[in-house]
Amino acid sequence: MTIDFNKSNDGLIPAIIQDSNTKNVLMLGYMNAEALEKTKKTGLVTFFSRSKQRLWTKGEESGNMLNLVDIKLDCDNDTLLIQASPKGPTCHKGTDTCWNASNDETYGFISKLEETIEDRRTKATGEKSYVASLFEKGINKIAQKVGEEAVEVVIEAKDDDDNLFLNESADLLFHYLMLLQAKGFKLEDVVGILKAREKK
């Protein structure tokens, strides 16, 4: 990689730090050529501190290191995306990120859907939702619905109507997320098992 450290007068380029697992952005720092070289050599993310005017390895005082996983250079050759595995909170204020956000792994819309299911399951309202009513009927009914939807997915998979197949697949996933919550789990628990099975 050919990095242009000369675009700024101080020879520093931005380094965006991203958790290699959750893909959340943890912090922004600055690197010069020496900081980048030390990062590669030690495997610990090292910056050039503009306030201290010296190289600074993240966590050298707190112990909350950033273990290097990968380095990517942007299209203009003047910004780094560094994927790292954090040891402890990243921000000096003790939070996971410098934006005061938790560094939890999320699955976009699926995580939002899980939150909606949980909200409707636990919220006591005068008007019962489909989710709430199904949870009231108990785990056997929820499991039965998952079984019914799975059979419908198999049936539609053997036909040529892609729209029906996708709709039944959506129904299956929705009810499966409900079943996971009925058992006290979430999708992340299943993903964790799949990751553990991954061949290195």
C-alpha atoms as a PDB file:
ATOM      1  CA  MET A   1       0.000   0.000   0.000  1.00  0.00           C
ATOM      2  CA  THR A   2       1.260   3.462  -0.933  1.00  0.00           C
ATOM      3  CA  ILE A   3       0.153   5.955   1.702  1.00  0.00           C
ATOM      4  CA  ASP A   4       0.246   9.695   1.110  1.00  0.00           C
ATOM      5  CA  PHE A   5       1.470  11.156   4.394  1.00  0.00           C
ATOM      6  CA  ASN A   6       2.253  14.471   2.675  1.00  0.00           C
ATOM      7  CA  LYS A   7      -1.300  15.744   2.198  1.00  0.00           C
ATOM      8  CA  SER A   8      -1.125  17.388   5.608  1.00  0.00           C
ATOM      9  CA  ASN A   9       1.664  19.650   6.843  1.00  0.00           C
ATOM     10  CA  ASP A  10       2.237  17.544   9.960  1.00  0.00           C
ATOM     11  CA  GLY A  11       2.561  14.217   8.121  1.00  0.00           C
ATOM     12  CA  LEU A  12      -0.431  12.732   9.929  1.00  0.00           C
ATOM     13  CA  ILE A  13      -3.336  10.831   8.413  1.00  0.00           C
ATOM     14  CA  PRO A  14      -6.640   9.825  10.063  1.00  0.00           C
ATOM     15  CA  ALA A  15      -6.974   6.242  11.269  1.00  0.00           C
ATOM     16  CA  ILE A  16     -10.522   5.027  11.816  1.00  0.00           C
ATOM     17  CA  ILE A  17     -10.621   2.123  14.270  1.00  0.00           C
ATOM     18  CA  GLN A  18     -13.308  -0.508  13.713  1.00  0.00           C
ATOM     19  CA  ASP A  19     -14.026  -3.581  15.800  1.00  0.00           C
ATOM     20  CA  SER A  20     -13.186  -6.512  13.537  1.00  0.00           C
ATOM     21  CA  ASN A  21     -16.028  -8.560  15.000  1.00  0.00           C
ATOM     22  CA  THR A  22     -18.947  -6.185  15.553  1.00  0.00           C
ATOM     23  CA  LYS A  23     -17.917  -3.772  12.736  1.00  0.00           C
ATOM     24  CA  ASN A  24     -18.706  -0.839  15.048  1.00  0.00           C
ATOM     25  CA  VAL A  25     -16.477   2.240  14.802  1.00  0.00           C
ATOM     26  CA  LEU A  26     -14.589   2.599  18.076  1.00  0.00           C
ATOM     27  CA  MET A  27     -12.491   5.740  17.716  1.00  0.00           C
ATOM     28  CA  LEU A  28     -10.534   8.031  15.426  1.00  0.00           C
ATOM     29  CA  GLY A  29      -6.819   8.650  15.835  1.00  0.00           C
ATOM     30  CA  TYR A  30      -3.912   9.912  13.757  1.00  0.00           C
ATOM     31  CA  MET A  31      -0.854   8.099  12.490  1.00  0.00           C
ATOM     32  CA  ASN A  32       2.396   9.074  10.917  1.00  0.00           C
ATOM     33  CA  ALA A  33       4.638   6.625   9.074  1.00  0.00           C
ATOM     34  CA  GLU A  34       6.428   5.646  12.298  1.00  0.00           C
ATOM     35  CA  ALA A  35       3.173   4.927  14.161  1.00  0.00           C
ATOM     36  CA  LEU A  36       1.946   2.770  11.313  1.00  0.00           C
ATOM     37  CA  GLU A  37       5.199   0.838  11.193  1.00  0.00           C
ATOM     38  CA  LYS A  38       5.111   0.219  14.944  1.00  0.00           C
ATOM     39  CA  THR A  39       1.475  -0.919  14.671  1.00  0.00           C
ATOM     40  CA  LYS A  40       2.436  -3.486  12.049  1.00  0.00           C
ATOM     41  CA  LYS A  41       5.520  -4.629  13.933  1.00  0.00           C
ATOM     42  CA  THR A  42       3.955  -5.039  17.389  1.00  0.00           C
ATOM     43  CA  GLY A  43       0.369  -5.923  16.429  1.00  0.00           C
ATOM     44  CA  LEU A  44      -0.846  -3.223  18.824  1.00  0.00           C
ATOM     45  CA  VAL A  45      -2.514  -0.138  17.364  1.00  0.00           C
ATOM     46  CA  THR A  46      -0.232   2.846  17.866  1.00  0.00           C
ATOM     47  CA  PHE A  47      -0.960   6.488  17.082  1.00  0.00           C
ATOM     48  CA  PHE A  48       0.897   9.751  17.014  1.00  0.00           C
ATOM     49  CA  SER A  49      -0.552  11.769  19.877  1.00  0.00           C
ATOM     50  CA  ARG A  50      -1.022  15.382  18.844  1.00  0.00           C
ATOM     51  CA  SER A  51      -1.301  16.499  22.470  1.00  0.00           C
ATOM     52  CA  LYS A  52       1.745  14.565  23.716  1.00  0.00           C
ATOM     53  CA  GLN A  53       3.682  15.003  20.474  1.00  0.00           C
ATOM     54  CA  ARG A  54       4.927  11.419  20.558  1.00  0.00           C
ATOM     55  CA  LEU A  55       4.003   7.871  19.580  1.00  0.00           C
ATOM     56  CA  TRP A  56       1.256   6.478  21.783  1.00  0.00           C
ATOM     57  CA  THR A  57       0.153   2.858  21.869  1.00  0.00           C
ATOM     58  CA  LYS A  58      -3.519   2.632  22.777  1.00  0.00           C
ATOM     59  CA  GLY A  59      -3.834   1.165  26.255  1.00  0.00           C
ATOM     60  CA  GLU A  60      -0.219   1.701  27.290  1.00  0.00           C
ATOM     61  CA  GLU A  61      -1.483   3.123  30.597  1.00  0.00           C
ATOM     62  CA  SER A  62      -4.981   1.642  30.972  1.00  0.00           C
ATOM     63  CA  GLY A  63      -4.220  -1.798  29.543  1.00  0.00           C
ATOM     64  CA  ASN A  64      -7.142  -1.437  27.116  1.00  0.00           C
ATOM     65  CA  MET A  65      -5.148  -2.353  24.022  1.00  0.00           C
ATOM     66  CA  LEU A  66      -6.327  -2.592  20.431  1.00  0.00           C
ATOM     67  CA  ASN A  67      -4.980  -5.768  18.834  1.00  0.00           C
ATOM     68  CA  LEU A  68      -4.406  -5.300  15.117  1.00  0.00           C
ATOM     69  CA  VAL A  69      -6.429  -7.502  12.753  1.00  0.00           C
ATOM     70  CA  ASP A  70      -6.296  -5.740   9.385  1.00  0.00           C
ATOM     71  CA  ILE A  71      -5.423  -2.438   7.707  1.00  0.00           C
ATOM     72  CA  LYS A  72      -7.218  -0.961   4.703  1.00  0.00           C
ATOM     73  CA  LEU A  73      -6.347   2.195   2.767  1.00  0.00           C
ATOM     74  CA  ASP A  74      -9.017   4.440   1.272  1.00  0.00           C
ATOM     75  CA  CYS A  75      -9.325   5.445  -2.393  1.00  0.00           C
ATOM     76  CA  ASP A  76      -7.373   8.705  -1.914  1.00  0.00           C
ATOM     77  CA  ASN A  77      -4.495   6.944  -0.121  1.00  0.00           C
ATOM     78  CA  ASP A  78      -4.738   9.278   2.871  1.00  0.00           C
ATOM     79  CA  THR A  79      -7.062   7.591   5.401  1.00  0.00           C
ATOM     80  CA  LEU A  80      -6.713   4.221   7.113  1.00  0.00           C
ATOM     81  CA  LEU A  81      -9.446   1.858   8.232  1.00  0.00           C
ATOM     82  CA  ILE A  82      -7.921  -0.289  10.932  1.00  0.00           C
ATOM     83  CA  GLN A  83      -9.804  -3.338  12.098  1.00  0.00           C
ATOM     84  CA  ALA A  84      -8.860  -4.332  15.606  1.00  0.00           C
ATOM     85  CA  SER A  85      -9.888  -6.550  18.476  1.00  0.00           C
ATOM     86  CA  PRO A  86     -10.340  -4.345  21.569  1.00  0.00           C
ATOM     87  CA  LYS A  87      -9.259  -5.434  25.019  1.00  0.00           C
ATOM     88  CA  GLY A  88     -11.613  -3.544  27.299  1.00  0.00           C
ATOM     89  CA  PRO A  89     -13.342  -0.223  26.607  1.00  0.00           C
ATOM     90  CA  THR A  90     -11.763   1.944  23.914  1.00  0.00           C
ATOM     91  CA  CYS A  91     -12.580   5.454  25.129  1.00  0.00           C
ATOM     92  CA  HIS A  92     -10.498   7.040  27.872  1.00  0.00           C
ATOM     93  CA  LYS A  93     -13.786   7.857  29.596  1.00  0.00           C
ATOM     94  CA  GLY A  94     -14.453   4.135  30.073  1.00  0.00           C
ATOM     95  CA  THR A  95     -17.059   3.641  27.349  1.00  0.00           C
ATOM     96  CA  ASP A  96     -16.900   1.050  24.575  1.00  0.00           C
ATOM     97  CA  THR A  97     -16.538   3.715  21.893  1.00  0.00           C
ATOM     98  CA  CYS A  98     -15.624   7.388  21.749  1.00  0.00           C
ATOM     99  CA  TRP A  99     -19.238   8.118  20.791  1.00  0.00           C
ATOM    100  CA  ASN A 100     -20.587   6.699  24.050  1.00  0.00           C
ATOM    101  CA  ALA A 101     -22.188   3.801  22.180  1.00  0.00           C
ATOM    102  CA  SER A 102     -22.109   0.175  23.237  1.00  0.00           C
ATOM    103  CA  ASN A 103     -19.968  -2.140  21.132  1.00  0.00           C
ATOM    104  CA  ASP A 104     -22.587  -4.858  20.831  1.00  0.00           C
ATOM    105  CA  GLU A 105     -22.871  -6.951  17.693  1.00  0.00           C
ATOM    106  CA  THR A 106     -26.091  -6.163  15.854  1.00  0.00           C
ATOM    107  CA  TYR A 107     -27.777  -7.547  12.771  1.00  0.00           C
ATOM    108  CA  GLY A 108     -29.396  -4.429  11.361  1.00  0.00           C
ATOM    109  CA  PHE A 109     -33.108  -4.803  10.752  1.00  0.00           C
ATOM    110  CA  ILE A 110     -33.183  -8.257  12.379  1.00  0.00           C
ATOM    111  CA  SER A 111     -31.987  -6.776  15.677  1.00  0.00           C
ATOM    112  CA  LYS A 112     -34.662  -4.078  15.388  1.00  0.00           C
ATOM    113  CA  LEU A 113     -37.243  -6.794  14.773  1.00  0.00           C
ATOM    114  CA  GLU A 114     -36.061  -8.659  17.879  1.00  0.00           C
ATOM    115  CA  GLU A 115     -36.542  -5.449  19.885  1.00  0.00           C
ATOM    116  CA  THR A 116     -40.065  -5.049  18.483  1.00  0.00           C
ATOM    117  CA  ILE A 117     -40.948  -8.634  19.417  1.00  0.00           C
ATOM    118  CA  GLU A 118     -39.611  -8.126  22.938  1.00  0.00           C
ATOM    119  CA  ASP A 119     -41.456  -4.838  23.301  1.00  0.00           C
ATOM    120  CA  ARG A 120     -44.783  -6.321  22.208  1.00  0.00           C
ATOM    121  CA  ARG A 121     -44.251  -9.409  24.354  1.00  0.00           C
ATOM    122  CA  THR A 122     -43.621  -7.432  27.537  1.00  0.00           C
ATOM    123  CA  LYS A 123     -45.798  -4.371  27.023  1.00  0.00           C
ATOM    124  CA  ALA A 124     -49.139  -4.489  28.774  1.00  0.00           C
ATOM    125  CA  THR A 125     -51.624  -2.654  26.561  1.00  0.00           C
ATOM    126  CA  GLY A 126     -55.373  -2.748  26.209  1.00  0.00           C
ATOM    127  CA  GLU A 127     -55.059  -3.877  22.622  1.00  0.00           C
ATOM    128  CA  LYS A 128     -53.220  -7.182  22.258  1.00  0.00           C
ATOM    129  CA  SER A 129     -50.827  -7.614  19.370  1.00  0.00           C
ATOM    130  CA  TYR A 130     -50.395 -10.855  17.465  1.00  0.00           C
ATOM    131  CA  VAL A 131     -47.027 -11.315  19.162  1.00  0.00           C
ATOM    132  CA  ALA A 132     -48.424 -10.774  22.645  1.00  0.00           C
ATOM    133  CA  SER A 133     -51.341 -13.119  22.048  1.00  0.00           C
ATOM    134  CA  LEU A 134     -49.074 -15.867  20.742  1.00  0.00           C
ATOM    135  CA  PHE A 135     -46.747 -15.552  23.732  1.00  0.00           C
ATOM    136  CA  GLU A 136     -49.772 -15.777  26.035  1.00  0.00           C
ATOM    137  CA  LYS A 137     -50.639 -19.148  24.482  1.00  0.00           C
ATOM    138  CA  GLY A 138     -47.247 -20.467  25.552  1.00  0.00           C
ATOM    139  CA  ILE A 139     -44.163 -22.020  24.071  1.00  0.00           C
ATOM    140  CA  ASN A 140     -45.945 -25.062  22.662  1.00  0.00           C
ATOM    141  CA  LYS A 141     -48.095 -22.855  20.425  1.00  0.00           C
ATOM    142  CA  ILE A 142     -45.082 -20.807  19.300  1.00  0.00           C
ATOM    143  CA  ALA A 143     -43.122 -23.969  18.510  1.00  0.00           C
ATOM    144  CA  GLN A 144     -46.103 -25.332  16.607  1.00  0.00           C
ATOM    145  CA  LYS A 145     -46.225 -22.153  14.498  1.00  0.00           C
ATOM    146  CA  VAL A 146     -42.517 -22.511  13.680  1.00  0.00           C
ATOM    147  CA  GLY A 147     -43.180 -26.083  12.554  1.00  0.00           C
ATOM    148  CA  GLU A 148     -46.129 -25.013  10.396  1.00  0.00           C
ATOM    149  CA  GLU A 149     -44.143 -22.215   8.774  1.00  0.00           C
ATOM    150  CA  ALA A 150     -41.184 -24.539   8.131  1.00  0.00           C
ATOM    151  CA  VAL A 151     -43.460 -26.995   6.320  1.00  0.00           C
ATOM    152  CA  GLU A 152     -44.902 -24.158   4.213  1.00  0.00           C
ATOM    153  CA  VAL A 153     -41.381 -23.024   3.271  1.00  0.00           C
ATOM    154  CA  VAL A 154     -40.536 -26.550   2.121  1.00  0.00           C
ATOM    155  CA  ILE A 155     -43.751 -26.762   0.068  1.00  0.00           C
ATOM    156  CA  GLU A 156     -43.153 -23.398  -1.614  1.00  0.00           C
ATOM    157  CA  ALA A 157     -39.495 -24.276  -2.286  1.00  0.00           C
ATOM    158  CA  LYS A 158     -40.708 -27.111  -4.519  1.00  0.00           C
ATOM    159  CA  ASP A 159     -42.921 -24.767  -6.558  1.00  0.00           C
ATOM    160  CA  ASP A 160     -42.025 -21.911  -8.900  1.00  0.00           C
ATOM    161  CA  ASP A 161     -43.635 -18.990  -7.084  1.00  0.00           C
ATOM    162  CA  ASP A 162     -40.662 -17.098  -5.651  1.00  0.00           C
ATOM    163  CA  ASN A 163     -42.915 -14.491  -4.043  1.00  0.00           C
ATOM    164  CA  LEU A 164     -44.760 -17.110  -1.987  1.00  0.00           C
ATOM    165  CA  PHE A 165     -41.478 -18.805  -1.081  1.00  0.00           C
ATOM    166  CA  LEU A 166     -39.967 -15.539   0.196  1.00  0.00           C
ATOM    167  CA  ASN A 167     -43.099 -14.612   2.131  1.00  0.00           C
ATOM    168  CA  GLU A 168     -43.235 -18.007   3.835  1.00  0.00           C
ATOM    169  CA  SER A 169     -39.515 -17.685   4.576  1.00  0.00           C
ATOM    170  CA  ALA A 170     -40.174 -14.322   6.237  1.00  0.00           C
ATOM    171  CA  ASP A 171     -42.966 -15.886   8.318  1.00  0.00           C
ATOM    172  CA  LEU A 172     -40.643 -18.694   9.384  1.00  0.00           C
ATOM    173  CA  LEU A 173     -37.864 -16.328  10.430  1.00  0.00           C
ATOM    174  CA  PHE A 174     -40.301 -14.100  12.335  1.00  0.00           C
ATOM    175  CA  HIS A 175     -41.760 -16.990  14.313  1.00  0.00           C
ATOM    176  CA  TYR A 176     -38.306 -18.484  14.897  1.00  0.00           C
ATOM    177  CA  LEU A 177     -37.188 -15.202  16.480  1.00  0.00           C
ATOM    178  CA  MET A 178     -40.251 -15.430  18.712  1.00  0.00           C
ATOM    179  CA  LEU A 179     -39.383 -19.010  19.683  1.00  0.00           C
ATOM    180  CA  LEU A 180     -35.832 -17.985  20.561  1.00  0.00           C
ATOM    181  CA  GLN A 181     -37.170 -15.318  22.917  1.00  0.00           C
ATOM    182  CA  ALA A 182     -39.661 -17.752  24.416  1.00  0.00           C
ATOM    183  CA  LYS A 183     -36.657 -19.931  25.301  1.00  0.00           C
ATOM    184  CA  GLY A 184     -34.737 -16.933  26.684  1.00  0.00           C
ATOM    185  CA  PHE A 185     -32.341 -16.547  23.760  1.00  0.00           C
ATOM    186  CA  LYS A 186     -31.661 -14.209  20.863  1.00  0.00           C
ATOM    187  CA  LEU A 187     -30.177 -14.608  17.416  1.00  0.00           C
ATOM    188  CA  GLU A 188     -26.718 -13.705  18.726  1.00  0.00           C
ATOM    189  CA  ASP A 189     -26.712 -16.924  20.765  1.00  0.00           C
ATOM    190  CA  VAL A 190     -27.203 -18.992  17.620  1.00  0.00           C
ATOM    191  CA  VAL A 191     -24.615 -16.944  15.716  1.00  0.00           C
ATOM    192  CA  GLY A 192     -22.146 -17.600  18.529  1.00  0.00           C
ATOM    193  CA  ILE A 193     -22.542 -21.351  18.034  1.00  0.00           C
ATOM    194  CA  LEU A 194     -22.092 -21.029  14.271  1.00  0.00           C
ATOM    195  CA  LYS A 195     -18.924 -18.974  14.802  1.00  0.00           C
ATOM    196  CA  ALA A 196     -17.574 -21.619  17.172  1.00  0.00           C
ATOM    197  CA  ARG A 197     -18.132 -24.233  14.457  1.00  0.00           C
ATOM    198  CA  GLU A 198     -16.305 -22.193  11.829  1.00  0.00           C
ATOM    199  CA  LYS A 199     -13.197 -23.933  10.580  1.00  0.00           C
ATOM    200  CA  LYS A 200     -10.106 -21.807  10.964  1.00  0.00           C
END
